[in-house]
Amino acid sequence: MEQKNSFDLKTVKVHRTMGATILEIAFVILAIIVWGIAIIMIHRAPDIVATHFDASGKPDSYGSPMGIIIPCVITTMAAVACMVVAYFPRLINMPFKITNIRQVKTAILSVRVAGLTLLLMVWAIVHTMLGMSAPTPIPILAVTVLLILEIIVFSIVGYRMKE
């Protein structure tokens, strides 16, 4: 006779742990550093900067350095959302059905790491647009690849933790 899994993700309560606190402090510190760099670089930037790149990596649009703030704010909001969603695991979308508490912990760690990586994306955007004499999208692509690899790794690890 097959026993039905009684695990209910909606009833999981997330409590603060030392690991979570460390990641959240790292997040705040990284956010302050990244936004400090962004503000300094925007202040020092010339009046016109590359704001978009074509498929070959060459700048094809130019504008005010203030225009860079918009993608940075949106990316930071996504990073903050990741850190908040970690406390509501029922909202975390994994590519498999979460059936045990170990998978919940993996999903929570996944979104926290994604939040930190999204802050790195803010740095990559600012560095690409304002920090290079010859802008190239390589920093943005590198952080994007890192984010995709994190998703793949956490998905595989979480899937393997099924009962």
N, C-alpha and C. Protein backbone atom coordinates (compact mmCIF):
# COMPACT_ATOMS: atom_id res chain seq x y z
N MET A 1 0.84 -1.17 0.00
CA MET A 1 0.00 0.00 0.00
C MET A 1 0.89 1.25 0.00
N GLU A 2 0.60 2.17 -0.90
CA GLU A 2 1.40 3.38 -1.05
C GLU A 2 0.95 4.44 -0.03
N GLN A 3 1.94 5.01 0.66
CA GLN A 3 1.63 6.05 1.64
C GLN A 3 1.68 7.41 0.95
N LYS A 4 0.66 8.20 1.15
CA LYS A 4 0.58 9.52 0.53
C LYS A 4 1.44 10.51 1.32
N ASN A 5 2.18 11.35 0.58
CA ASN A 5 3.03 12.36 1.20
C ASN A 5 2.14 13.43 1.83
N SER A 6 2.34 13.69 3.12
CA SER A 6 1.50 14.66 3.82
C SER A 6 2.18 16.03 3.94
N PHE A 7 3.29 16.24 3.24
CA PHE A 7 4.01 17.50 3.31
C PHE A 7 3.19 18.60 2.63
N ASP A 8 2.97 19.71 3.35
CA ASP A 8 2.21 20.83 2.80
C ASP A 8 3.09 22.09 2.85
N LEU A 9 3.52 22.54 1.71
CA LEU A 9 4.40 23.70 1.61
C LEU A 9 3.76 24.96 2.19
N LYS A 10 2.45 25.06 2.12
CA LYS A 10 1.75 26.25 2.62
C LYS A 10 1.86 26.40 4.14
N THR A 11 2.16 25.33 4.83
CA THR A 11 2.24 25.39 6.30
C THR A 11 3.67 25.62 6.81
N VAL A 12 4.64 25.67 5.90
CA VAL A 12 6.04 25.83 6.32
C VAL A 12 6.27 27.25 6.82
N LYS A 13 6.85 27.35 7.99
CA LYS A 13 7.21 28.65 8.59
C LYS A 13 8.73 28.78 8.52
N VAL A 14 9.19 29.92 8.06
CA VAL A 14 10.63 30.17 7.96
C VAL A 14 11.05 31.03 9.15
N HIS A 15 12.04 30.53 9.88
CA HIS A 15 12.56 31.26 11.03
C HIS A 15 13.97 31.76 10.70
N ARG A 16 14.35 32.82 11.36
CA ARG A 16 15.68 33.40 11.15
C ARG A 16 16.73 32.42 11.66
N THR A 17 17.77 32.23 10.85
CA THR A 17 18.90 31.40 11.24
C THR A 17 20.18 32.22 11.12
N MET A 18 21.25 31.71 11.66
CA MET A 18 22.54 32.39 11.57
C MET A 18 22.95 32.53 10.10
N GLY A 19 22.78 31.48 9.31
CA GLY A 19 23.13 31.52 7.89
C GLY A 19 22.32 32.56 7.14
N ALA A 20 21.02 32.63 7.43
CA ALA A 20 20.16 33.61 6.78
C ALA A 20 20.58 35.02 7.15
N THR A 21 20.89 35.22 8.43
CA THR A 21 21.31 36.54 8.89
C THR A 21 22.61 36.96 8.22
N ILE A 22 23.55 36.04 8.09
CA ILE A 22 24.82 36.35 7.41
C ILE A 22 24.57 36.74 5.96
N LEU A 23 23.73 35.99 5.26
CA LEU A 23 23.43 36.32 3.86
C LEU A 23 22.72 37.67 3.75
N GLU A 24 21.84 37.97 4.68
CA GLU A 24 21.13 39.25 4.64
C GLU A 24 22.06 40.42 4.95
N ILE A 25 22.98 40.24 5.88
CA ILE A 25 23.96 41.29 6.16
C ILE A 25 24.87 41.48 4.95
N ALA A 26 25.30 40.38 4.34
CA ALA A 26 26.12 40.47 3.13
C ALA A 26 25.36 41.20 2.02
N PHE A 27 24.06 40.94 1.93
CA PHE A 27 23.23 41.60 0.93
C PHE A 27 23.21 43.11 1.15
N VAL A 28 22.99 43.53 2.38
CA VAL A 28 22.93 44.97 2.69
C VAL A 28 24.28 45.62 2.42
N ILE A 29 25.36 44.98 2.85
CA ILE A 29 26.69 45.54 2.62
C ILE A 29 26.97 45.65 1.12
N LEU A 30 26.67 44.58 0.38
CA LEU A 30 26.89 44.59 -1.07
C LEU A 30 26.03 45.66 -1.74
N ALA A 31 24.79 45.82 -1.30
CA ALA A 31 23.91 46.85 -1.88
C ALA A 31 24.48 48.24 -1.65
N ILE A 32 24.98 48.50 -0.45
CA ILE A 32 25.57 49.81 -0.15
C ILE A 32 26.80 50.05 -1.01
N ILE A 33 27.66 49.04 -1.13
CA ILE A 33 28.87 49.18 -1.94
C ILE A 33 28.52 49.41 -3.41
N VAL A 34 27.64 48.58 -3.94
CA VAL A 34 27.27 48.68 -5.36
C VAL A 34 26.63 50.03 -5.66
N TRP A 35 25.70 50.46 -4.82
CA TRP A 35 25.04 51.74 -5.07
C TRP A 35 25.98 52.92 -4.81
N GLY A 36 26.92 52.77 -3.89
CA GLY A 36 27.93 53.81 -3.69
C GLY A 36 28.79 53.97 -4.94
N ILE A 37 29.23 52.84 -5.49
CA ILE A 37 30.01 52.87 -6.74
C ILE A 37 29.18 53.48 -7.86
N ALA A 38 27.91 53.07 -7.95
CA ALA A 38 27.04 53.58 -9.02
C ALA A 38 26.89 55.09 -8.93
N ILE A 39 26.65 55.61 -7.74
CA ILE A 39 26.45 57.05 -7.58
C ILE A 39 27.73 57.82 -7.92
N ILE A 40 28.86 57.31 -7.46
CA ILE A 40 30.14 57.96 -7.77
C ILE A 40 30.39 57.95 -9.28
N MET A 41 30.17 56.80 -9.92
CA MET A 41 30.45 56.69 -11.35
C MET A 41 29.48 57.54 -12.18
N ILE A 42 28.22 57.60 -11.78
CA ILE A 42 27.26 58.44 -12.50
C ILE A 42 27.66 59.90 -12.36
N HIS A 43 28.08 60.29 -11.18
CA HIS A 43 28.50 61.67 -10.93
C HIS A 43 29.73 62.05 -11.78
N ARG A 44 30.65 61.11 -11.96
CA ARG A 44 31.88 61.37 -12.71
C ARG A 44 31.76 61.12 -14.22
N ALA A 45 30.66 60.56 -14.66
CA ALA A 45 30.50 60.17 -16.07
C ALA A 45 30.40 61.39 -16.98
N PRO A 46 30.78 61.22 -18.25
CA PRO A 46 30.57 62.29 -19.22
C PRO A 46 29.07 62.49 -19.46
N ASP A 47 28.73 63.54 -20.18
CA ASP A 47 27.32 63.85 -20.42
C ASP A 47 26.62 62.81 -21.29
N ILE A 48 27.36 62.15 -22.18
CA ILE A 48 26.79 61.14 -23.07
C ILE A 48 27.57 59.84 -22.90
N VAL A 49 26.85 58.74 -22.67
CA VAL A 49 27.47 57.42 -22.50
C VAL A 49 26.71 56.39 -23.32
N ALA A 50 27.36 55.24 -23.58
CA ALA A 50 26.68 54.14 -24.26
C ALA A 50 25.60 53.59 -23.32
N THR A 51 24.41 53.40 -23.84
CA THR A 51 23.31 52.89 -23.01
C THR A 51 22.73 51.58 -23.53
N HIS A 52 23.16 51.15 -24.71
CA HIS A 52 22.65 49.90 -25.27
C HIS A 52 23.68 49.34 -26.23
N PHE A 53 23.67 48.01 -26.37
CA PHE A 53 24.63 47.34 -27.24
C PHE A 53 23.89 46.45 -28.22
N ASP A 54 24.46 46.32 -29.45
CA ASP A 54 23.85 45.42 -30.44
C ASP A 54 24.32 43.99 -30.16
N ALA A 55 23.91 43.06 -31.00
CA ALA A 55 24.22 41.64 -30.78
C ALA A 55 25.72 41.35 -30.83
N SER A 56 26.48 42.18 -31.54
CA SER A 56 27.92 41.95 -31.61
C SER A 56 28.67 42.62 -30.46
N GLY A 57 27.97 43.32 -29.59
CA GLY A 57 28.60 43.94 -28.43
C GLY A 57 29.04 45.36 -28.64
N LYS A 58 28.67 45.95 -29.76
CA LYS A 58 29.04 47.34 -30.03
C LYS A 58 27.92 48.27 -29.57
N PRO A 59 28.29 49.41 -28.97
CA PRO A 59 27.25 50.36 -28.54
C PRO A 59 26.44 50.85 -29.73
N ASP A 60 25.12 50.85 -29.59
CA ASP A 60 24.27 51.33 -30.68
C ASP A 60 23.27 52.39 -30.21
N SER A 61 23.39 52.79 -28.94
CA SER A 61 22.52 53.83 -28.41
C SER A 61 23.28 54.58 -27.33
N TYR A 62 23.08 55.87 -27.30
CA TYR A 62 23.78 56.71 -26.34
C TYR A 62 22.77 57.61 -25.62
N GLY A 63 23.12 58.00 -24.41
CA GLY A 63 22.23 58.88 -23.66
C GLY A 63 22.90 59.37 -22.40
N SER A 64 22.10 59.94 -21.53
CA SER A 64 22.57 60.48 -20.27
C SER A 64 22.94 59.34 -19.31
N PRO A 65 23.97 59.53 -18.50
CA PRO A 65 24.29 58.49 -17.51
C PRO A 65 23.17 58.28 -16.49
N MET A 66 22.29 59.25 -16.33
CA MET A 66 21.16 59.09 -15.41
C MET A 66 20.21 57.99 -15.88
N GLY A 67 20.19 57.70 -17.19
CA GLY A 67 19.35 56.63 -17.73
C GLY A 67 19.74 55.25 -17.23
N ILE A 68 20.95 55.13 -16.73
CA ILE A 68 21.43 53.85 -16.22
C ILE A 68 20.78 53.53 -14.88
N ILE A 69 20.28 54.53 -14.21
CA ILE A 69 19.64 54.32 -12.90
C ILE A 69 18.42 53.41 -13.03
N ILE A 70 17.66 53.55 -14.10
CA ILE A 70 16.41 52.78 -14.24
C ILE A 70 16.67 51.27 -14.21
N PRO A 71 17.54 50.71 -15.06
CA PRO A 71 17.76 49.26 -14.95
C PRO A 71 18.39 48.85 -13.62
N CYS A 72 19.18 49.73 -13.04
CA CYS A 72 19.80 49.42 -11.75
C CYS A 72 18.75 49.36 -10.64
N VAL A 73 17.80 50.28 -10.65
CA VAL A 73 16.72 50.26 -9.64
C VAL A 73 15.85 49.02 -9.82
N ILE A 74 15.50 48.71 -11.06
CA ILE A 74 14.66 47.53 -11.32
C ILE A 74 15.37 46.26 -10.86
N THR A 75 16.65 46.14 -11.17
CA THR A 75 17.42 44.96 -10.78
C THR A 75 17.55 44.88 -9.26
N THR A 76 17.75 46.02 -8.61
CA THR A 76 17.83 46.04 -7.14
C THR A 76 16.50 45.64 -6.52
N MET A 77 15.40 46.11 -7.10
CA MET A 77 14.08 45.71 -6.59
C MET A 77 13.87 44.20 -6.72
N ALA A 78 14.34 43.62 -7.82
CA ALA A 78 14.24 42.17 -8.00
C ALA A 78 15.09 41.45 -6.96
N ALA A 79 16.27 42.00 -6.66
CA ALA A 79 17.15 41.40 -5.64
C ALA A 79 16.49 41.45 -4.26
N VAL A 80 15.90 42.58 -3.92
CA VAL A 80 15.20 42.71 -2.64
C VAL A 80 14.02 41.74 -2.59
N ALA A 81 13.30 41.61 -3.71
CA ALA A 81 12.18 40.67 -3.75
C ALA A 81 12.65 39.24 -3.48
N CYS A 82 13.80 38.87 -4.01
CA CYS A 82 14.35 37.53 -3.73
C CYS A 82 14.58 37.34 -2.25
N MET A 83 15.15 38.34 -1.60
CA MET A 83 15.45 38.22 -0.18
C MET A 83 14.15 38.13 0.66
N VAL A 84 13.12 38.84 0.25
CA VAL A 84 11.83 38.80 0.95
C VAL A 84 11.13 37.47 0.71
N VAL A 85 11.13 37.01 -0.53
CA VAL A 85 10.44 35.76 -0.88
C VAL A 85 11.04 34.57 -0.13
N ALA A 86 12.29 34.68 0.29
CA ALA A 86 12.91 33.59 1.05
C ALA A 86 12.11 33.27 2.32
N TYR A 87 11.35 34.24 2.81
CA TYR A 87 10.54 34.00 4.01
C TYR A 87 9.14 33.47 3.67
N PHE A 88 8.85 33.32 2.40
CA PHE A 88 7.55 32.80 1.95
C PHE A 88 7.80 31.71 0.91
N PRO A 89 8.27 30.54 1.34
CA PRO A 89 8.69 29.50 0.39
C PRO A 89 7.59 29.02 -0.55
N ARG A 90 6.34 29.20 -0.17
CA ARG A 90 5.25 28.79 -1.08
C ARG A 90 5.25 29.63 -2.35
N LEU A 91 5.92 30.80 -2.32
CA LEU A 91 5.99 31.67 -3.49
C LEU A 91 7.20 31.38 -4.38
N ILE A 92 8.09 30.52 -3.91
CA ILE A 92 9.29 30.19 -4.69
C ILE A 92 8.91 29.18 -5.77
N ASN A 93 9.25 29.51 -6.99
CA ASN A 93 8.91 28.65 -8.13
C ASN A 93 10.12 27.84 -8.53
N MET A 94 10.10 26.57 -8.20
CA MET A 94 11.17 25.66 -8.59
C MET A 94 10.66 24.77 -9.73
N PRO A 95 11.56 24.22 -10.54
CA PRO A 95 11.11 23.39 -11.67
C PRO A 95 10.72 21.97 -11.28
N PHE A 96 10.41 21.77 -10.01
CA PHE A 96 9.96 20.48 -9.51
C PHE A 96 9.03 20.74 -8.34
N LYS A 97 8.25 19.74 -8.00
CA LYS A 97 7.34 19.87 -6.86
C LYS A 97 8.14 19.68 -5.57
N ILE A 98 8.04 20.66 -4.68
CA ILE A 98 8.73 20.58 -3.38
C ILE A 98 7.94 19.65 -2.48
N THR A 99 8.61 18.58 -2.03
CA THR A 99 7.92 17.54 -1.26
C THR A 99 8.49 17.31 0.13
N ASN A 100 9.55 18.06 0.49
CA ASN A 100 10.11 17.87 1.84
C ASN A 100 10.84 19.14 2.28
N ILE A 101 11.20 19.18 3.55
CA ILE A 101 11.79 20.37 4.13
C ILE A 101 13.20 20.63 3.59
N ARG A 102 13.93 19.59 3.21
CA ARG A 102 15.27 19.80 2.62
C ARG A 102 15.17 20.55 1.30
N GLN A 103 14.15 20.24 0.52
CA GLN A 103 13.95 20.97 -0.74
C GLN A 103 13.56 22.42 -0.46
N VAL A 104 12.79 22.64 0.60
CA VAL A 104 12.43 24.01 0.98
C VAL A 104 13.69 24.80 1.31
N LYS A 105 14.57 24.21 2.11
CA LYS A 105 15.82 24.89 2.48
C LYS A 105 16.67 25.20 1.25
N THR A 106 16.71 24.28 0.31
CA THR A 106 17.47 24.50 -0.92
C THR A 106 16.85 25.62 -1.74
N ALA A 107 15.53 25.65 -1.84
CA ALA A 107 14.84 26.71 -2.58
C ALA A 107 15.08 28.06 -1.93
N ILE A 108 15.05 28.12 -0.62
CA ILE A 108 15.29 29.37 0.09
C ILE A 108 16.72 29.86 -0.15
N LEU A 109 17.68 28.96 -0.04
CA LEU A 109 19.07 29.34 -0.32
C LEU A 109 19.22 29.80 -1.76
N SER A 110 18.52 29.15 -2.66
CA SER A 110 18.57 29.52 -4.07
C SER A 110 18.14 30.96 -4.30
N VAL A 111 17.03 31.37 -3.70
CA VAL A 111 16.57 32.74 -3.93
C VAL A 111 17.46 33.76 -3.23
N ARG A 112 18.04 33.39 -2.10
CA ARG A 112 18.96 34.32 -1.43
C ARG A 112 20.23 34.53 -2.25
N VAL A 113 20.77 33.46 -2.79
CA VAL A 113 21.95 33.57 -3.64
C VAL A 113 21.61 34.35 -4.91
N ALA A 114 20.42 34.13 -5.46
CA ALA A 114 19.99 34.89 -6.64
C ALA A 114 19.90 36.39 -6.31
N GLY A 115 19.44 36.73 -5.12
CA GLY A 115 19.39 38.14 -4.71
C GLY A 115 20.77 38.77 -4.70
N LEU A 116 21.74 38.06 -4.15
CA LEU A 116 23.12 38.57 -4.14
C LEU A 116 23.67 38.70 -5.57
N THR A 117 23.36 37.73 -6.40
CA THR A 117 23.85 37.78 -7.79
C THR A 117 23.20 38.93 -8.55
N LEU A 118 21.95 39.21 -8.27
CA LEU A 118 21.30 40.35 -8.93
C LEU A 118 21.96 41.67 -8.53
N LEU A 119 22.46 41.75 -7.30
CA LEU A 119 23.21 42.96 -6.93
C LEU A 119 24.51 43.04 -7.73
N LEU A 120 25.12 41.89 -8.00
CA LEU A 120 26.30 41.89 -8.87
C LEU A 120 25.94 42.38 -10.27
N MET A 121 24.71 42.08 -10.69
CA MET A 121 24.26 42.56 -12.01
C MET A 121 24.19 44.09 -12.03
N VAL A 122 23.78 44.70 -10.94
CA VAL A 122 23.76 46.16 -10.85
C VAL A 122 25.18 46.69 -11.07
N TRP A 123 26.14 46.07 -10.38
CA TRP A 123 27.53 46.47 -10.57
C TRP A 123 27.95 46.28 -12.02
N ALA A 124 27.58 45.16 -12.63
CA ALA A 124 27.97 44.88 -14.01
C ALA A 124 27.39 45.92 -14.97
N ILE A 125 26.15 46.32 -14.74
CA ILE A 125 25.53 47.35 -15.58
C ILE A 125 26.29 48.65 -15.47
N VAL A 126 26.55 49.08 -14.25
CA VAL A 126 27.26 50.35 -14.04
C VAL A 126 28.68 50.28 -14.60
N HIS A 127 29.35 49.18 -14.33
CA HIS A 127 30.73 49.04 -14.81
C HIS A 127 30.78 49.02 -16.34
N THR A 128 29.85 48.32 -16.95
CA THR A 128 29.83 48.24 -18.41
C THR A 128 29.55 49.61 -19.03
N MET A 129 28.57 50.30 -18.51
CA MET A 129 28.15 51.55 -19.12
C MET A 129 29.07 52.72 -18.78
N LEU A 130 29.62 52.72 -17.58
CA LEU A 130 30.37 53.90 -17.13
C LEU A 130 31.82 53.64 -16.77
N GLY A 131 32.20 52.42 -16.50
CA GLY A 131 33.52 52.14 -15.98
C GLY A 131 34.55 51.69 -16.99
N MET A 132 34.15 51.60 -18.24
CA MET A 132 35.08 51.10 -19.25
C MET A 132 35.30 52.16 -20.32
N SER A 133 36.56 52.30 -20.76
CA SER A 133 36.83 53.26 -21.82
C SER A 133 36.26 52.75 -23.14
N ALA A 134 36.25 51.44 -23.34
CA ALA A 134 35.63 50.83 -24.51
C ALA A 134 34.58 49.85 -24.00
N PRO A 135 33.33 50.31 -23.82
CA PRO A 135 32.31 49.45 -23.21
C PRO A 135 32.10 48.14 -23.97
N THR A 136 31.93 47.09 -23.21
CA THR A 136 31.63 45.76 -23.74
C THR A 136 30.62 45.11 -22.81
N PRO A 137 29.71 44.31 -23.34
CA PRO A 137 28.70 43.68 -22.48
C PRO A 137 29.21 42.44 -21.72
N ILE A 138 30.50 42.18 -21.76
CA ILE A 138 31.02 40.96 -21.13
C ILE A 138 30.70 40.88 -19.63
N PRO A 139 30.85 41.96 -18.83
CA PRO A 139 30.48 41.82 -17.40
C PRO A 139 29.02 41.43 -17.21
N ILE A 140 28.13 42.02 -17.98
CA ILE A 140 26.71 41.70 -17.87
C ILE A 140 26.45 40.25 -18.28
N LEU A 141 27.09 39.82 -19.36
CA LEU A 141 26.92 38.44 -19.81
C LEU A 141 27.50 37.46 -18.78
N ALA A 142 28.62 37.80 -18.18
CA ALA A 142 29.23 36.92 -17.18
C ALA A 142 28.31 36.74 -15.98
N VAL A 143 27.71 37.81 -15.49
CA VAL A 143 26.81 37.70 -14.34
C VAL A 143 25.53 36.95 -14.75
N THR A 144 25.08 37.15 -15.97
CA THR A 144 23.90 36.42 -16.46
C THR A 144 24.18 34.92 -16.51
N VAL A 145 25.35 34.55 -17.01
CA VAL A 145 25.73 33.13 -17.04
C VAL A 145 25.83 32.58 -15.62
N LEU A 146 26.40 33.35 -14.69
CA LEU A 146 26.47 32.92 -13.30
C LEU A 146 25.08 32.68 -12.72
N LEU A 147 24.15 33.57 -13.00
CA LEU A 147 22.77 33.42 -12.52
C LEU A 147 22.12 32.16 -13.10
N ILE A 148 22.32 31.92 -14.36
CA ILE A 148 21.75 30.72 -15.01
C ILE A 148 22.37 29.45 -14.41
N LEU A 149 23.69 29.47 -14.20
CA LEU A 149 24.34 28.30 -13.59
C LEU A 149 23.82 28.04 -12.18
N GLU A 150 23.60 29.12 -11.41
CA GLU A 150 23.03 28.96 -10.07
C GLU A 150 21.66 28.30 -10.14
N ILE A 151 20.84 28.73 -11.06
CA ILE A 151 19.50 28.16 -11.22
C ILE A 151 19.59 26.68 -11.55
N ILE A 152 20.48 26.33 -12.48
CA ILE A 152 20.65 24.93 -12.87
C ILE A 152 21.13 24.09 -11.69
N VAL A 153 22.17 24.56 -11.00
CA VAL A 153 22.73 23.79 -9.88
C VAL A 153 21.71 23.61 -8.77
N PHE A 154 21.05 24.70 -8.35
CA PHE A 154 20.07 24.57 -7.27
C PHE A 154 18.88 23.71 -7.70
N SER A 155 18.51 23.75 -8.95
CA SER A 155 17.41 22.90 -9.43
C SER A 155 17.80 21.43 -9.37
N ILE A 156 19.01 21.12 -9.80
CA ILE A 156 19.47 19.72 -9.76
C ILE A 156 19.58 19.24 -8.31
N VAL A 157 20.21 20.05 -7.46
CA VAL A 157 20.38 19.65 -6.06
C VAL A 157 19.02 19.49 -5.40
N GLY A 158 18.11 20.42 -5.60
CA GLY A 158 16.79 20.31 -4.99
C GLY A 158 16.00 19.12 -5.50
N TYR A 159 16.10 18.85 -6.80
CA TYR A 159 15.38 17.70 -7.37
C TYR A 159 15.90 16.40 -6.79
N ARG A 160 17.21 16.32 -6.59
CA ARG A 160 17.80 15.09 -6.06
C ARG A 160 17.45 14.85 -4.59
N MET A 161 16.92 15.87 -3.92
CA MET A 161 16.54 15.72 -2.52
C MET A 161 15.12 15.22 -2.35
N LYS A 162 14.48 14.84 -3.45
CA LYS A 162 13.10 14.35 -3.32
C LYS A 162 13.10 13.06 -2.51
N GLU A 163 11.98 12.77 -1.94
CA GLU A 163 11.87 11.58 -1.07
C GLU A 163 11.87 10.32 -1.88
